[in-house]
Amino acid sequence: MIKYMGTKKTDDGGVLYIFLINGLQKEVRESALKQYPGCYEALPAAAKARILANRAWMSKL
């Protein structure tokens, strides 16, 4: 079971996505979402849109 709980800002300005995965709380960086199957799908539409915007911005660099 995977449940999205929210986000948390890091000291360096990054964003951690907080999930409950099988009853344990996990803080996952955007770049590590692929390592946790099902986490990206559990994100709300607003978070997915923010990730897509970040990826589009990074591709322009």
Protein backbone atom coordinates (compact mmCIF):
# COMPACT_ATOMS: atom_id res chain seq x y z
CA MET A 1 0.00 0.00 0.00
CA ILE A 2 1.32 3.41 -0.98
CA LYS A 3 -0.27 6.64 0.25
CA TYR A 4 0.93 10.16 -0.54
CA MET A 5 1.19 12.29 2.62
CA GLY A 6 2.64 15.60 1.36
CA THR A 7 5.89 17.41 0.68
CA LYS A 8 8.70 18.78 2.78
CA LYS A 9 11.35 21.38 1.91
CA THR A 10 15.00 20.57 2.55
CA ASP A 11 17.58 23.05 3.83
CA ASP A 12 19.09 23.38 0.35
CA GLY A 13 15.73 24.23 -1.25
CA GLY A 14 14.87 20.78 -2.58
CA VAL A 15 11.56 19.02 -2.20
CA LEU A 16 10.98 15.66 -0.55
CA TYR A 17 7.78 13.74 -1.24
CA ILE A 18 6.48 11.94 1.82
CA PHE A 19 4.74 8.58 1.41
CA LEU A 20 3.44 5.82 3.62
CA ILE A 21 4.75 2.62 2.06
CA ASN A 22 3.45 -0.53 3.74
CA GLY A 23 2.94 1.42 6.97
CA LEU A 24 6.42 3.00 7.01
CA GLN A 25 7.03 6.68 6.30
CA LYS A 26 9.48 7.32 3.45
CA GLU A 27 10.84 10.66 2.24
CA VAL A 28 11.66 10.40 -1.47
CA ARG A 29 13.48 12.93 -3.64
CA GLU A 30 12.09 13.68 -7.07
CA SER A 31 15.07 12.03 -8.73
CA ALA A 32 14.52 8.82 -6.74
CA LEU A 33 10.83 8.31 -7.55
CA LYS A 34 11.76 5.63 -10.11
CA GLN A 35 13.32 3.55 -7.30
CA TYR A 36 9.96 3.23 -5.55
CA PRO A 37 7.42 1.62 -7.91
CA GLY A 38 3.94 3.07 -7.52
CA CYS A 39 4.99 6.29 -5.82
CA TYR A 40 4.76 8.47 -8.93
CA GLU A 41 1.29 7.10 -9.65
CA ALA A 42 0.21 7.93 -6.08
CA LEU A 43 1.08 11.64 -6.49
CA PRO A 44 -1.75 14.14 -6.96
CA ALA A 45 -2.07 15.94 -10.31
CA ALA A 46 -0.55 19.16 -8.94
CA ALA A 47 2.64 17.39 -7.84
CA LYS A 48 2.93 15.59 -11.19
CA ALA A 49 2.54 18.93 -12.99
CA ARG A 50 5.32 20.45 -10.85
CA ILE A 51 7.62 17.52 -11.68
CA LEU A 52 6.89 17.85 -15.41
CA ALA A 53 7.60 21.60 -15.23
CA ASN A 54 10.92 20.90 -13.47
CA ARG A 55 11.89 18.34 -16.12
CA ALA A 56 11.00 20.75 -18.93
CA TRP A 57 13.08 23.48 -17.31
CA MET A 58 16.04 21.14 -16.85
CA SER A 59 15.90 20.03 -20.49
CA LYS A 60 16.35 23.64 -21.61
CA LEU A 61 19.68 23.99 -19.77
